Amino acid sequence: MDATSDRNDTSGGATALRLAQDPEADALLGRSRLADLIGMLLDQQVPMEWAFKGPAAIARRMGTDGPDAHEIAAQDPEAFAALLSEKPAVHRYPGSMAKRIQQLCQYLVDHYDGAAEGLWHDVGSGAELLARLEDLPGFGKQKAQIFLALLGKQLGVRPKGWREAAGAYGEAEAFRSVADITGPESLAKVRAHKQELKAAAKAAKAGEKKPGR
């Protein structure tokens, strides 16, 4: 089954995204699925907007219009880490994230000729696509489900069962993750949801430490 059969295919072309809340960065995210993957990889331990500004910063520092998996994978690791470390740093941990980005790009080169779209080009189901995403370096189940939800909700990649495979992140208007961000208002809702989760986790942890538990 074609992964985009129920909607016009935007997976290889430009579409409107507002994940970074920055025109230049969002324009790149709209036209490059590799940029989306890199942004998703960076989306940990930093604000979401910071993470998704990363691909544009990397491309700008490399002097290119957008990220290329072959080119990134071929970079000298120390030089690439230094590039991400330039102020302002692309991530809170630029060295470790530079290594992960190169591993991701090398995986795409080895398995999909460097094309991020290869992940879903001939995919038969949402479950199959989720499994492919989970195989990516740096992508655990949660990150894979969020990216699957982003593909389905905003990028027109909707294989059969994609919402179910994405779990709670695939629910319509869930406002649980970057997959639901379309502007400042939805960003605020997603941020509020994340804060609620953190507060609940903190309360649960405090409860476990009470005497007699």
C-alpha atoms as a PDB file:
ATOM      1  CA  MET A   1       0.000   0.000   0.000  1.00  0.00           C
ATOM      2  CA  ASP A   2       1.200   3.508  -0.849  1.00  0.00           C
ATOM      3  CA  ALA A   3       2.003   5.318   2.370  1.00  0.00           C
ATOM      4  CA  THR A   4       0.421   8.503   1.043  1.00  0.00           C
ATOM      5  CA  SER A   5      -2.578   7.016  -0.729  1.00  0.00           C
ATOM      6  CA  ASP A   6      -5.239   8.957   1.159  1.00  0.00           C
ATOM      7  CA  ARG A   7      -3.735  12.380   0.570  1.00  0.00           C
ATOM      8  CA  ASN A   8      -1.651  14.283  -1.938  1.00  0.00           C
ATOM      9  CA  ASP A   9       1.987  13.333  -1.449  1.00  0.00           C
ATOM     10  CA  THR A  10       3.906  16.088   0.327  1.00  0.00           C
ATOM     11  CA  SER A  11       6.600  13.781   1.663  1.00  0.00           C
ATOM     12  CA  GLY A  12       9.146  14.762  -0.966  1.00  0.00           C
ATOM     13  CA  GLY A  13       8.134  18.384  -1.526  1.00  0.00           C
ATOM     14  CA  ALA A  14       7.714  21.561   0.460  1.00  0.00           C
ATOM     15  CA  THR A  15       4.954  21.955   2.992  1.00  0.00           C
ATOM     16  CA  ALA A  16       4.245  24.463   5.735  1.00  0.00           C
ATOM     17  CA  LEU A  17       5.739  23.589   9.111  1.00  0.00           C
ATOM     18  CA  ARG A  18       6.091  25.816  12.161  1.00  0.00           C
ATOM     19  CA  LEU A  19       8.051  23.616  14.518  1.00  0.00           C
ATOM     20  CA  ALA A  20      10.998  25.948  15.063  1.00  0.00           C
ATOM     21  CA  GLN A  21       8.945  29.155  15.157  1.00  0.00           C
ATOM     22  CA  ASP A  22      11.626  30.647  12.913  1.00  0.00           C
ATOM     23  CA  PRO A  23      10.982  31.381   9.197  1.00  0.00           C
ATOM     24  CA  GLU A  24      14.344  30.170   7.853  1.00  0.00           C
ATOM     25  CA  ALA A  25      14.431  27.023   9.977  1.00  0.00           C
ATOM     26  CA  ASP A  26      10.790  26.184   9.316  1.00  0.00           C
ATOM     27  CA  ALA A  27      11.211  26.677   5.570  1.00  0.00           C
ATOM     28  CA  LEU A  28      13.979  24.074   5.579  1.00  0.00           C
ATOM     29  CA  LEU A  29      11.899  21.685   7.674  1.00  0.00           C
ATOM     30  CA  GLY A  30       9.099  22.091   5.165  1.00  0.00           C
ATOM     31  CA  ARG A  31      11.201  20.995   2.211  1.00  0.00           C
ATOM     32  CA  SER A  32      13.640  18.478   3.731  1.00  0.00           C
ATOM     33  CA  ARG A  33      12.594  15.257   5.411  1.00  0.00           C
ATOM     34  CA  LEU A  34      16.210  14.705   6.506  1.00  0.00           C
ATOM     35  CA  ALA A  35      16.039  18.050   8.313  1.00  0.00           C
ATOM     36  CA  ASP A  36      12.890  16.805  10.049  1.00  0.00           C
ATOM     37  CA  LEU A  37      14.645  13.621  11.140  1.00  0.00           C
ATOM     38  CA  ILE A  38      17.644  15.544  12.448  1.00  0.00           C
ATOM     39  CA  GLY A  39      15.385  17.951  14.318  1.00  0.00           C
ATOM     40  CA  MET A  40      13.558  15.015  15.878  1.00  0.00           C
ATOM     41  CA  LEU A  41      16.877  13.478  16.885  1.00  0.00           C
ATOM     42  CA  LEU A  42      17.940  16.732  18.536  1.00  0.00           C
ATOM     43  CA  ASP A  43      14.628  17.039  20.387  1.00  0.00           C
ATOM     44  CA  GLN A  44      15.764  15.947  23.825  1.00  0.00           C
ATOM     45  CA  GLN A  45      16.995  17.900  26.846  1.00  0.00           C
ATOM     46  CA  VAL A  46      16.467  21.191  24.995  1.00  0.00           C
ATOM     47  CA  PRO A  47      13.355  23.230  24.086  1.00  0.00           C
ATOM     48  CA  MET A  48      11.568  21.920  21.008  1.00  0.00           C
ATOM     49  CA  GLU A  49      12.141  25.109  19.018  1.00  0.00           C
ATOM     50  CA  TRP A  50      15.879  24.965  19.725  1.00  0.00           C
ATOM     51  CA  ALA A  51      16.038  21.384  18.489  1.00  0.00           C
ATOM     52  CA  PHE A  52      14.235  22.086  15.233  1.00  0.00           C
ATOM     53  CA  LYS A  53      16.332  25.166  14.502  1.00  0.00           C
ATOM     54  CA  GLY A  54      19.341  22.846  14.506  1.00  0.00           C
ATOM     55  CA  PRO A  55      19.122  21.524  10.926  1.00  0.00           C
ATOM     56  CA  ALA A  56      19.107  25.058   9.476  1.00  0.00           C
ATOM     57  CA  ALA A  57      22.079  26.041  11.638  1.00  0.00           C
ATOM     58  CA  ILE A  58      24.007  22.958  10.507  1.00  0.00           C
ATOM     59  CA  ALA A  59      23.247  23.599   6.835  1.00  0.00           C
ATOM     60  CA  ARG A  60      24.207  27.257   7.125  1.00  0.00           C
ATOM     61  CA  ARG A  61      27.524  26.437   8.799  1.00  0.00           C
ATOM     62  CA  MET A  62      28.257  23.816   6.139  1.00  0.00           C
ATOM     63  CA  GLY A  63      27.466  26.323   3.403  1.00  0.00           C
ATOM     64  CA  THR A  64      24.613  24.297   1.919  1.00  0.00           C
ATOM     65  CA  ASP A  65      20.907  24.849   1.253  1.00  0.00           C
ATOM     66  CA  GLY A  66      20.005  21.834   3.370  1.00  0.00           C
ATOM     67  CA  PRO A  67      21.427  18.721   5.008  1.00  0.00           C
ATOM     68  CA  ASP A  68      22.713  15.897   2.838  1.00  0.00           C
ATOM     69  CA  ALA A  69      23.141  12.485   4.450  1.00  0.00           C
ATOM     70  CA  HIS A  70      26.135  11.508   2.295  1.00  0.00           C
ATOM     71  CA  GLU A  71      27.935  14.769   3.020  1.00  0.00           C
ATOM     72  CA  ILE A  72      27.262  14.722   6.766  1.00  0.00           C
ATOM     73  CA  ALA A  73      28.261  11.072   7.124  1.00  0.00           C
ATOM     74  CA  ALA A  74      31.555  11.798   5.349  1.00  0.00           C
ATOM     75  CA  GLN A  75      32.520  14.691   7.649  1.00  0.00           C
ATOM     76  CA  ASP A  76      35.500  14.359   9.958  1.00  0.00           C
ATOM     77  CA  PRO A  77      33.892  13.618  13.361  1.00  0.00           C
ATOM     78  CA  GLU A  78      35.951  16.179  15.268  1.00  0.00           C
ATOM     79  CA  ALA A  79      35.330  18.875  12.683  1.00  0.00           C
ATOM     80  CA  PHE A  80      31.603  18.143  12.628  1.00  0.00           C
ATOM     81  CA  ALA A  81      31.436  18.252  16.428  1.00  0.00           C
ATOM     82  CA  ALA A  82      33.237  21.597  16.360  1.00  0.00           C
ATOM     83  CA  LEU A  83      30.753  22.882  13.806  1.00  0.00           C
ATOM     84  CA  LEU A  84      27.840  22.052  16.111  1.00  0.00           C
ATOM     85  CA  SER A  85      29.701  23.569  19.059  1.00  0.00           C
ATOM     86  CA  GLU A  86      30.103  26.991  17.460  1.00  0.00           C
ATOM     87  CA  LYS A  87      28.205  29.635  19.399  1.00  0.00           C
ATOM     88  CA  PRO A  88      25.298  29.536  19.589  1.00  0.00           C
ATOM     89  CA  ALA A  89      25.634  25.768  19.973  1.00  0.00           C
ATOM     90  CA  VAL A  90      23.194  23.612  18.038  1.00  0.00           C
ATOM     91  CA  HIS A  91      22.417  21.599  21.184  1.00  0.00           C
ATOM     92  CA  ARG A  92      23.202  21.552  24.871  1.00  0.00           C
ATOM     93  CA  TYR A  93      25.432  18.546  24.178  1.00  0.00           C
ATOM     94  CA  PRO A  94      26.828  19.339  20.712  1.00  0.00           C
ATOM     95  CA  GLY A  95      29.584  16.731  20.767  1.00  0.00           C
ATOM     96  CA  SER A  96      27.396  13.742  21.521  1.00  0.00           C
ATOM     97  CA  MET A  97      24.625  14.955  19.211  1.00  0.00           C
ATOM     98  CA  ALA A  98      27.093  15.468  16.364  1.00  0.00           C
ATOM     99  CA  LYS A  99      28.054  11.807  16.697  1.00  0.00           C
ATOM    100  CA  ARG A 100      24.404  10.727  16.699  1.00  0.00           C
ATOM    101  CA  ILE A 101      23.589  12.825  13.639  1.00  0.00           C
ATOM    102  CA  GLN A 102      26.480  11.277  11.731  1.00  0.00           C
ATOM    103  CA  GLN A 103      25.357   7.800  12.796  1.00  0.00           C
ATOM    104  CA  LEU A 104      21.831   8.578  11.605  1.00  0.00           C
ATOM    105  CA  CYS A 105      23.073   9.849   8.256  1.00  0.00           C
ATOM    106  CA  GLN A 106      25.397   6.871   7.797  1.00  0.00           C
ATOM    107  CA  TYR A 107      22.474   4.541   8.478  1.00  0.00           C
ATOM    108  CA  LEU A 108      20.401   6.309   5.817  1.00  0.00           C
ATOM    109  CA  VAL A 109      23.311   6.059   3.376  1.00  0.00           C
ATOM    110  CA  ASP A 110      23.744   2.348   4.057  1.00  0.00           C
ATOM    111  CA  HIS A 111      20.063   1.405   3.951  1.00  0.00           C
ATOM    112  CA  TYR A 112      18.224   4.046   1.875  1.00  0.00           C
ATOM    113  CA  ASP A 113      20.905   5.590  -0.366  1.00  0.00           C
ATOM    114  CA  GLY A 114      20.848   8.652   1.889  1.00  0.00           C
ATOM    115  CA  ALA A 115      17.176   9.446   1.290  1.00  0.00           C
ATOM    116  CA  ALA A 116      15.027   9.897   4.392  1.00  0.00           C
ATOM    117  CA  GLU A 117      11.949   9.331   2.220  1.00  0.00           C
ATOM    118  CA  GLY A 118      13.158   5.783   1.641  1.00  0.00           C
ATOM    119  CA  LEU A 119      11.924   4.950   5.128  1.00  0.00           C
ATOM    120  CA  TRP A 120       8.308   5.119   3.959  1.00  0.00           C
ATOM    121  CA  HIS A 121       8.543   4.907   0.165  1.00  0.00           C
ATOM    122  CA  ASP A 122       7.312   1.310  -0.051  1.00  0.00           C
ATOM    123  CA  VAL A 123       6.051   0.801   3.487  1.00  0.00           C
ATOM    124  CA  GLY A 124       2.946  -1.369   3.866  1.00  0.00           C
ATOM    125  CA  SER A 125       1.613  -0.329   7.267  1.00  0.00           C
ATOM    126  CA  GLY A 126       2.016   2.031  10.155  1.00  0.00           C
ATOM    127  CA  ALA A 127       3.490  -0.768  12.236  1.00  0.00           C
ATOM    128  CA  GLU A 128       6.125  -1.441   9.578  1.00  0.00           C
ATOM    129  CA  LEU A 129       7.044   2.239   9.380  1.00  0.00           C
ATOM    130  CA  LEU A 130       7.284   2.449  13.159  1.00  0.00           C
ATOM    131  CA  ALA A 131       9.661  -0.512  13.158  1.00  0.00           C
ATOM    132  CA  ARG A 132      11.845   1.181  10.532  1.00  0.00           C
ATOM    133  CA  LEU A 133      11.930   4.384  12.559  1.00  0.00           C
ATOM    134  CA  GLU A 134      12.844   2.477  15.725  1.00  0.00           C
ATOM    135  CA  ASP A 135      15.796   0.970  13.857  1.00  0.00           C
ATOM    136  CA  LEU A 136      17.270   4.441  13.303  1.00  0.00           C
ATOM    137  CA  PRO A 137      20.252   5.342  15.507  1.00  0.00           C
ATOM    138  CA  GLY A 138      19.081   7.558  18.347  1.00  0.00           C
ATOM    139  CA  PHE A 139      15.392   6.709  17.902  1.00  0.00           C
ATOM    140  CA  GLY A 140      13.672   4.819  20.693  1.00  0.00           C
ATOM    141  CA  LYS A 141      10.009   3.860  20.584  1.00  0.00           C
ATOM    142  CA  GLN A 142       8.703   7.183  21.906  1.00  0.00           C
ATOM    143  CA  LYS A 143      10.741   9.283  19.480  1.00  0.00           C
ATOM    144  CA  ALA A 144       9.746   6.964  16.631  1.00  0.00           C
ATOM    145  CA  GLN A 145       6.056   7.262  17.531  1.00  0.00           C
ATOM    146  CA  ILE A 146       6.242  11.044  17.710  1.00  0.00           C
ATOM    147  CA  PHE A 147       7.935  11.247  14.313  1.00  0.00           C
ATOM    148  CA  LEU A 148       5.376   8.837  12.862  1.00  0.00           C
ATOM    149  CA  ALA A 149       2.636  11.112  14.203  1.00  0.00           C
ATOM    150  CA  LEU A 150       4.363  14.132  12.631  1.00  0.00           C
ATOM    151  CA  LEU A 151       4.534  12.340   9.285  1.00  0.00           C
ATOM    152  CA  GLY A 152       0.863  11.450   9.432  1.00  0.00           C
ATOM    153  CA  LYS A 153      -0.534  14.677  10.826  1.00  0.00           C
ATOM    154  CA  GLN A 154       1.501  17.234   8.905  1.00  0.00           C
ATOM    155  CA  LEU A 155       3.495  15.597   6.097  1.00  0.00           C
ATOM    156  CA  GLY A 156       0.938  13.416   4.345  1.00  0.00           C
ATOM    157  CA  VAL A 157       2.633  10.087   5.064  1.00  0.00           C
ATOM    158  CA  ARG A 158      -0.276   7.938   6.197  1.00  0.00           C
ATOM    159  CA  PRO A 159       0.114   4.187   5.750  1.00  0.00           C
ATOM    160  CA  LYS A 160      -2.689   1.993   7.015  1.00  0.00           C
ATOM    161  CA  GLY A 161      -2.839   1.961  10.807  1.00  0.00           C
ATOM    162  CA  TRP A 162      -0.474   4.901  11.277  1.00  0.00           C
ATOM    163  CA  ARG A 163      -2.494   6.441  14.108  1.00  0.00           C
ATOM    164  CA  GLU A 164      -2.601   3.171  16.017  1.00  0.00           C
ATOM    165  CA  ALA A 165       1.133   2.638  15.530  1.00  0.00           C
ATOM    166  CA  ALA A 166       1.833   6.169  16.787  1.00  0.00           C
ATOM    167  CA  GLY A 167      -0.098   5.434  19.976  1.00  0.00           C
ATOM    168  CA  ALA A 168      -1.376   8.417  21.946  1.00  0.00           C
ATOM    169  CA  TYR A 169       0.714  10.738  19.768  1.00  0.00           C
ATOM    170  CA  GLY A 170      -1.418   9.801  16.771  1.00  0.00           C
ATOM    171  CA  GLU A 171      -4.665  10.964  18.342  1.00  0.00           C
ATOM    172  CA  ALA A 172      -6.253  13.964  16.659  1.00  0.00           C
ATOM    173  CA  GLU A 173      -5.611  17.266  18.459  1.00  0.00           C
ATOM    174  CA  ALA A 174      -3.763  15.454  21.215  1.00  0.00           C
ATOM    175  CA  PHE A 175      -1.284  18.314  21.784  1.00  0.00           C
ATOM    176  CA  ARG A 176       1.191  15.837  23.253  1.00  0.00           C
ATOM    177  CA  SER A 177       4.222  16.422  21.049  1.00  0.00           C
ATOM    178  CA  VAL A 178       5.868  18.343  18.250  1.00  0.00           C
ATOM    179  CA  ALA A 179       3.553  16.477  15.867  1.00  0.00           C
ATOM    180  CA  ASP A 180       0.737  18.768  17.018  1.00  0.00           C
ATOM    181  CA  ILE A 181       2.576  22.091  16.722  1.00  0.00           C
ATOM    182  CA  THR A 182       1.245  24.318  13.962  1.00  0.00           C
ATOM    183  CA  GLY A 183       1.839  27.717  15.569  1.00  0.00           C
ATOM    184  CA  PRO A 184       2.323  29.585  18.864  1.00  0.00           C
ATOM    185  CA  GLU A 185      -1.050  28.554  20.322  1.00  0.00           C
ATOM    186  CA  SER A 186      -0.564  24.826  19.770  1.00  0.00           C
ATOM    187  CA  LEU A 187       3.057  25.140  20.958  1.00  0.00           C
ATOM    188  CA  ALA A 188       1.775  26.571  24.238  1.00  0.00           C
ATOM    189  CA  LYS A 189      -0.666  23.663  24.599  1.00  0.00           C
ATOM    190  CA  VAL A 190       2.048  21.076  23.971  1.00  0.00           C
ATOM    191  CA  ARG A 191       4.369  22.802  26.403  1.00  0.00           C
ATOM    192  CA  ALA A 192       1.616  22.855  29.052  1.00  0.00           C
ATOM    193  CA  HIS A 193       1.035  19.130  28.537  1.00  0.00           C
ATOM    194  CA  LYS A 194       4.739  18.388  29.005  1.00  0.00           C
ATOM    195  CA  GLN A 195       4.821  20.473  32.176  1.00  0.00           C
ATOM    196  CA  GLU A 196       1.837  18.539  33.536  1.00  0.00           C
ATOM    197  CA  LEU A 197       3.655  15.274  32.879  1.00  0.00           C
ATOM    198  CA  LYS A 198       6.774  16.528  34.644  1.00  0.00           C
ATOM    199  CA  ALA A 199       4.737  17.699  37.630  1.00  0.00           C
ATOM    200  CA  ALA A 200       2.957  14.352  37.872  1.00  0.00           C
ATOM    201  CA  ALA A 201       6.249  12.464  37.675  1.00  0.00           C
ATOM    202  CA  LYS A 202       7.768  14.689  40.351  1.00  0.00           C
ATOM    203  CA  ALA A 203       4.777  14.154  42.633  1.00  0.00           C
ATOM    204  CA  ALA A 204       4.923  10.395  42.121  1.00  0.00           C
ATOM    205  CA  LYS A 205       8.625  10.356  42.927  1.00  0.00           C
ATOM    206  CA  ALA A 206       8.055  12.405  46.072  1.00  0.00           C
ATOM    207  CA  GLY A 207       5.360   9.949  47.141  1.00  0.00           C
ATOM    208  CA  GLU A 208       7.735   7.044  46.807  1.00  0.00           C
ATOM    209  CA  LYS A 209      10.180   8.682  49.224  1.00  0.00           C
ATOM    210  CA  LYS A 210       7.646   9.125  52.041  1.00  0.00           C
ATOM    211  CA  PRO A 211       8.385   7.106  55.209  1.00  0.00           C
ATOM    212  CA  GLY A 212       6.661   3.773  55.373  1.00  0.00           C
ATOM    213  CA  ARG A 213       6.546   3.354  51.620  1.00  0.00           C
END
